[in-house]
Amino acid sequence: MSIIDDLKLQYKIGGITNKMIYWNVGLFLLSIIFFYQFKLGFFDYPNWLAISSQPKVVFIKPWTILTYAFFHNGFLHLFFNMMVLNFSSRLFLTFFTQKQYLGLYFLSAIFAGLAFLLSFYFLGKSSTMVGASAAIMALLVATTTYQPLMEIRLMLIGNVKLWHITAVLLLIDLMQIQLNNTGGHIAHLSGAFFGFIYIKLLLNGTDLSKIVNNVINFFYSIFDRKQKTPFKKVHVSSKRNAPKRESKIVMKDKTQQQIDEILDKISQSGYDSLTKEEKEFLFKSGK
């Protein structure tokens, strides 16, 4: 199995965290080709991807209140964000569902983008912004709000409470908000605020993530309806073909059983514990 096949398999069998990291990394690699100014040494994102602080631009290109959250200004920007995203995502998914994860990620990114737009408009500043930090902070603060005393083991430090980690990150944003990257720090704090509000509303019975999932289901139903083929009359085959159908069902059961055994092995020992044959079998079965 090639590296590409291995990556495809991990994307298919991985959860929402893997998929979100794949999307961020993949779009970053594409952005190097199209938007990196090699002579000048920085990214120059167009205002139809990055969110602008100019209301007129955002009004004409409203999708930028979300697309900005999937692009980054450099490798270190991406690397740090993906590290914290992986950490925050695993904590969040300990208590909540993947649908709630997706809803919070999108809604917090939109909220933080609008906060950046309004704050820079009233401050009289003009700029653009990219980065997933706001959505990541929302995931972290949401989990902290729900389980602040959860213990986290950090290398060289030992066990600390989750709220300690979150408080340090928020304090750093507050201390640097007037020094540099003002828009980024405003977005971070806005995402954190949204994560806090999201959990408080959820505990009171209001799940804001349903808004995103309803929109996704709506568009999915439209595309699914287009792909459906017209009804065709099916003729019942003769009894002589019955044994063949039965043998196919048995083969399908055996295949599914083998897939279940491999997935159990992954859950217990991780994906790397699979043999080359098991990886190839799982990849072929996923096609």
Protein backbone atom coordinates (compact mmCIF):
# COMPACT_ATOMS: atom_id res chain seq x y z
CA MET A 1 0.00 0.00 0.00
CA SER A 2 1.39 3.44 -0.98
CA ILE A 3 1.58 6.46 1.30
CA ILE A 4 -1.28 8.08 -0.63
CA ASP A 5 -3.46 5.00 -0.12
CA ASP A 6 -2.52 4.96 3.55
CA LEU A 7 -3.54 8.61 3.93
CA LYS A 8 -6.83 7.99 2.10
CA LEU A 9 -7.61 5.09 4.43
CA GLN A 10 -6.84 7.10 7.54
CA TYR A 11 -9.10 9.88 6.25
CA LYS A 12 -11.94 7.43 5.65
CA ILE A 13 -11.75 5.58 8.96
CA GLY A 14 -10.68 8.59 11.03
CA GLY A 15 -13.12 10.75 12.92
CA ILE A 16 -14.04 14.40 12.48
CA THR A 17 -10.75 15.50 14.06
CA ASN A 18 -8.67 13.75 11.41
CA LYS A 19 -10.83 15.14 8.64
CA MET A 20 -10.58 18.71 9.96
CA ILE A 21 -6.79 18.48 10.22
CA TYR A 22 -6.61 16.99 6.71
CA TRP A 23 -8.66 19.87 5.30
CA ASN A 24 -6.54 22.53 7.02
CA VAL A 25 -3.24 20.95 5.96
CA GLY A 26 -4.45 20.22 2.43
CA LEU A 27 -5.66 23.77 1.85
CA PHE A 28 -2.42 25.13 3.29
CA LEU A 29 -0.40 23.11 0.77
CA LEU A 30 -2.58 24.40 -2.05
CA SER A 31 -2.25 27.96 -0.79
CA ILE A 32 1.54 27.71 -1.04
CA ILE A 33 1.18 27.11 -4.77
CA PHE A 34 -1.35 29.87 -5.44
CA PHE A 35 -0.89 32.57 -2.78
CA TYR A 36 2.66 32.44 -1.42
CA GLN A 37 4.88 35.25 -2.63
CA PHE A 38 8.25 33.51 -2.81
CA LYS A 39 10.17 36.71 -3.64
CA LEU A 40 8.68 38.59 -0.71
CA GLY A 41 8.43 35.63 1.70
CA PHE A 42 4.80 35.84 2.82
CA PHE A 43 1.26 34.76 1.91
CA ASP A 44 -0.97 37.17 0.02
CA TYR A 45 -4.49 35.82 0.35
CA PRO A 46 -7.20 37.42 -1.83
CA ASN A 47 -10.23 38.99 -0.14
CA TRP A 48 -12.47 36.24 -1.52
CA LEU A 49 -10.79 33.77 0.88
CA ALA A 50 -9.46 35.85 3.77
CA ILE A 51 -11.99 37.87 5.75
CA SER A 52 -11.67 41.61 5.30
CA SER A 53 -12.28 44.27 7.93
CA GLN A 54 -14.22 46.24 5.31
CA PRO A 55 -18.00 45.60 5.66
CA LYS A 56 -18.59 46.26 1.96
CA VAL A 57 -16.15 43.51 0.97
CA VAL A 58 -17.70 40.99 3.36
CA PHE A 59 -21.19 41.93 2.18
CA ILE A 60 -20.19 41.13 -1.41
CA LYS A 61 -18.28 37.98 -0.37
CA PRO A 62 -20.19 36.66 2.68
CA TRP A 63 -18.61 33.19 2.47
CA THR A 64 -15.33 34.67 3.72
CA ILE A 65 -16.70 34.71 7.30
CA LEU A 66 -16.06 30.95 7.17
CA THR A 67 -13.38 30.30 4.54
CA TYR A 68 -10.78 32.34 6.44
CA ALA A 69 -10.85 29.69 9.19
CA PHE A 70 -9.25 27.08 6.90
CA PHE A 71 -6.15 29.01 5.79
CA HIS A 72 -2.94 29.99 7.58
CA ASN A 73 -0.17 32.55 7.23
CA GLY A 74 2.76 30.18 7.60
CA PHE A 75 3.98 26.75 8.63
CA LEU A 76 4.41 27.64 12.30
CA HIS A 77 0.93 29.19 12.34
CA LEU A 78 -0.49 25.97 10.90
CA PHE A 79 1.63 23.66 13.07
CA PHE A 80 0.69 25.29 16.38
CA ASN A 81 -2.98 25.52 15.43
CA MET A 82 -3.13 21.85 14.41
CA MET A 83 -1.42 20.81 17.66
CA VAL A 84 -3.98 22.69 19.74
CA LEU A 85 -6.80 21.56 17.44
CA ASN A 86 -5.89 17.90 17.95
CA PHE A 87 -5.67 18.44 21.73
CA SER A 88 -8.93 20.42 21.99
CA SER A 89 -10.85 18.13 19.63
CA ARG A 90 -10.06 14.95 21.55
CA LEU A 91 -11.12 16.58 24.80
CA PHE A 92 -14.35 17.96 23.29
CA LEU A 93 -15.29 14.62 21.69
CA THR A 94 -14.88 12.91 25.06
CA PHE A 95 -18.17 14.52 26.11
CA PHE A 96 -19.93 15.62 22.92
CA THR A 97 -20.82 14.31 19.46
CA GLN A 98 -19.17 14.87 16.09
CA LYS A 99 -22.23 16.82 14.91
CA GLN A 100 -21.89 19.17 17.88
CA TYR A 101 -18.18 19.48 17.10
CA LEU A 102 -18.84 20.47 13.49
CA GLY A 103 -21.58 22.89 14.47
CA LEU A 104 -19.45 24.60 17.11
CA TYR A 105 -16.44 24.83 14.77
CA PHE A 106 -18.41 26.55 12.02
CA LEU A 107 -20.53 28.81 14.22
CA SER A 108 -17.61 29.99 16.35
CA ALA A 109 -15.58 30.77 13.22
CA ILE A 110 -18.46 32.85 11.86
CA PHE A 111 -18.96 34.62 15.19
CA ALA A 112 -15.25 35.42 15.54
CA GLY A 113 -15.08 36.62 11.94
CA LEU A 114 -17.94 39.05 12.55
CA ALA A 115 -16.33 40.21 15.81
CA PHE A 116 -13.09 40.94 13.92
CA LEU A 117 -15.04 42.83 11.24
CA LEU A 118 -16.96 45.01 13.70
CA SER A 119 -14.05 45.72 16.05
CA PHE A 120 -11.72 46.81 13.23
CA TYR A 121 -14.48 48.87 11.65
CA PHE A 122 -15.04 50.86 14.85
CA LEU A 123 -11.29 51.10 15.50
CA GLY A 124 -10.83 52.54 12.02
CA LYS A 125 -8.34 49.86 11.01
CA SER A 126 -8.13 47.99 7.73
CA SER A 127 -6.78 44.45 7.42
CA THR A 128 -7.56 40.87 6.46
CA MET A 129 -7.39 37.73 8.59
CA VAL A 130 -6.94 33.97 8.20
CA GLY A 131 -6.56 31.14 10.69
CA ALA A 132 -8.46 28.43 12.55
CA SER A 133 -7.48 29.72 16.00
CA ALA A 134 -10.88 31.17 16.88
CA ALA A 135 -12.73 27.91 16.23
CA ILE A 136 -10.02 25.98 18.09
CA MET A 137 -10.34 28.25 21.13
CA ALA A 138 -14.10 27.72 21.05
CA LEU A 139 -13.62 23.94 21.28
CA LEU A 140 -11.14 24.31 24.14
CA VAL A 141 -13.20 26.79 26.15
CA ALA A 142 -16.39 24.81 25.56
CA THR A 143 -14.79 21.71 27.03
CA THR A 144 -13.28 23.71 29.89
CA THR A 145 -16.65 25.26 30.69
CA TYR A 146 -18.23 21.83 30.84
CA GLN A 147 -15.40 20.06 32.72
CA PRO A 148 -13.00 22.67 34.21
CA LEU A 149 -11.47 20.34 36.81
CA MET A 150 -10.50 17.65 34.31
CA GLU A 151 -6.87 16.68 34.87
CA ILE A 152 -4.41 16.85 31.97
CA ARG A 153 -0.93 15.37 32.13
CA LEU A 154 1.68 17.63 30.54
CA MET A 155 5.24 16.61 29.76
CA LEU A 156 7.83 18.00 32.23
CA ILE A 157 5.05 19.59 34.29
CA GLY A 158 2.78 16.77 35.41
CA ASN A 159 -0.93 16.88 36.11
CA VAL A 160 -2.73 20.21 35.78
CA LYS A 161 -6.37 21.18 35.65
CA LEU A 162 -7.86 21.90 32.23
CA TRP A 163 -8.94 25.38 33.27
CA HIS A 164 -5.31 26.22 34.09
CA ILE A 165 -4.26 25.57 30.48
CA THR A 166 -7.19 27.52 29.07
CA ALA A 167 -6.62 30.44 31.44
CA VAL A 168 -2.96 30.75 30.40
CA LEU A 169 -3.86 30.83 26.69
CA LEU A 170 -6.57 33.44 27.24
CA LEU A 171 -4.24 35.55 29.39
CA ILE A 172 -1.62 35.51 26.61
CA ASP A 173 -4.23 36.81 24.14
CA LEU A 174 -5.29 39.56 26.54
CA MET A 175 -1.69 40.66 27.18
CA GLN A 176 -0.79 40.79 23.47
CA ILE A 177 -3.99 42.28 22.08
CA GLN A 178 -2.43 45.76 21.72
CA LEU A 179 1.09 44.63 20.84
CA ASN A 180 0.72 42.72 17.56
CA ASN A 181 -1.84 40.72 15.58
CA THR A 182 -4.70 42.62 17.23
CA GLY A 183 -7.27 41.13 14.88
CA GLY A 184 -6.11 37.59 15.61
CA HIS A 185 -6.29 38.07 19.37
CA ILE A 186 -9.77 39.60 19.09
CA ALA A 187 -10.85 36.57 17.07
CA HIS A 188 -9.33 34.18 19.65
CA LEU A 189 -11.19 35.83 22.52
CA SER A 190 -14.40 35.99 20.50
CA GLY A 191 -14.17 32.28 19.70
CA ALA A 192 -13.53 31.55 23.37
CA PHE A 193 -16.57 33.60 24.36
CA PHE A 194 -18.74 31.75 21.86
CA GLY A 195 -17.54 28.38 23.19
CA PHE A 196 -18.56 29.46 26.70
CA ILE A 197 -21.99 30.63 25.56
CA TYR A 198 -22.51 27.48 23.50
CA ILE A 199 -22.06 25.19 26.52
CA LYS A 200 -24.23 27.35 28.78
CA LEU A 201 -27.04 27.24 26.23
CA LEU A 202 -26.53 23.51 25.68
CA LEU A 203 -26.85 22.83 29.40
CA ASN A 204 -30.15 24.74 29.31
CA GLY A 205 -31.44 22.59 26.46
CA THR A 206 -30.52 24.73 23.42
CA ASP A 207 -28.09 23.11 21.00
CA LEU A 208 -26.89 25.76 18.54
CA SER A 209 -25.04 23.14 16.49
CA LYS A 210 -28.41 21.97 15.13
CA ILE A 211 -28.45 25.11 12.98
CA VAL A 212 -25.38 23.97 11.06
CA ASN A 213 -26.48 20.36 10.86
CA ASN A 214 -29.91 21.36 9.55
CA VAL A 215 -28.25 23.43 6.82
CA ILE A 216 -25.94 20.53 5.93
CA ASN A 217 -28.85 18.09 5.83
CA PHE A 218 -30.83 20.50 3.64
CA PHE A 219 -28.11 20.74 0.99
CA TYR A 220 -27.42 17.02 1.26
CA SER A 221 -31.08 16.23 0.57
CA ILE A 222 -31.02 18.49 -2.51
CA PHE A 223 -27.95 16.81 -4.01
CA ASP A 224 -29.18 13.37 -2.99
CA ARG A 225 -32.52 13.99 -4.72
CA LYS A 226 -30.73 14.94 -7.95
CA GLN A 227 -28.66 11.77 -7.91
CA LYS A 228 -31.61 9.41 -7.46
CA THR A 229 -32.53 7.50 -10.60
CA PRO A 230 -36.14 7.08 -11.78
CA PHE A 231 -38.04 4.02 -10.59
CA LYS A 232 -37.44 0.97 -12.71
CA LYS A 233 -39.51 -2.17 -12.78
CA VAL A 234 -37.57 -5.13 -11.43
CA HIS A 235 -38.35 -8.67 -12.50
CA VAL A 236 -38.11 -11.39 -9.86
CA SER A 237 -35.49 -13.97 -10.76
CA SER A 238 -36.27 -17.66 -10.86
CA LYS A 239 -35.76 -19.99 -7.91
CA ARG A 240 -32.65 -21.41 -9.54
CA ASN A 241 -30.82 -18.17 -8.70
CA ALA A 242 -31.78 -18.25 -5.03
CA PRO A 243 -28.74 -20.26 -3.82
CA LYS A 244 -26.39 -17.74 -5.49
CA ARG A 245 -28.02 -14.84 -3.62
CA GLU A 246 -27.68 -16.73 -0.38
CA SER A 247 -23.98 -17.36 -0.98
CA LYS A 248 -23.45 -13.64 -1.63
CA ILE A 249 -25.09 -12.79 1.68
CA VAL A 250 -22.82 -15.23 3.51
CA MET A 251 -19.73 -13.74 1.83
CA LYS A 252 -20.86 -10.24 2.77
CA ASP A 253 -21.29 -11.30 6.39
CA LYS A 254 -17.79 -12.76 6.49
CA THR A 255 -16.31 -9.61 4.97
CA GLN A 256 -18.15 -7.40 7.45
CA GLN A 257 -17.00 -9.63 10.28
CA GLN A 258 -13.38 -9.23 9.20
CA ILE A 259 -13.82 -5.46 8.95
CA ASP A 260 -15.27 -5.36 12.47
CA GLU A 261 -12.33 -7.37 13.81
CA ILE A 262 -9.85 -4.96 12.20
CA LEU A 263 -11.71 -1.91 13.56
CA ASP A 264 -11.70 -3.48 17.04
CA LYS A 265 -7.95 -3.95 16.72
CA ILE A 266 -7.57 -0.27 15.76
CA SER A 267 -9.62 0.88 18.76
CA GLN A 268 -7.52 -1.24 21.12
CA SER A 269 -3.99 -0.87 19.74
CA GLY A 270 -4.19 1.92 17.16
CA TYR A 271 -3.96 1.98 13.38
CA ASP A 272 -0.20 1.35 13.35
CA SER A 273 -0.75 -2.10 14.90
CA LEU A 274 -2.35 -3.38 11.67
CA THR A 275 -0.41 -5.60 9.32
CA LYS A 276 0.17 -4.59 5.71
CA GLU A 277 -2.45 -7.12 4.58
CA GLU A 278 -5.03 -5.80 7.05
CA LYS A 279 -4.45 -2.21 5.89
CA GLU A 280 -4.85 -3.21 2.25
CA PHE A 281 -8.01 -5.21 3.02
CA LEU A 282 -9.56 -2.29 4.92
CA PHE A 283 -8.68 0.15 2.15
CA LYS A 284 -10.21 -2.06 -0.56
CA SER A 285 -13.34 -2.60 1.54
CA GLY A 286 -13.76 1.15 2.00
CA LYS A 287 -13.93 1.81 -1.75
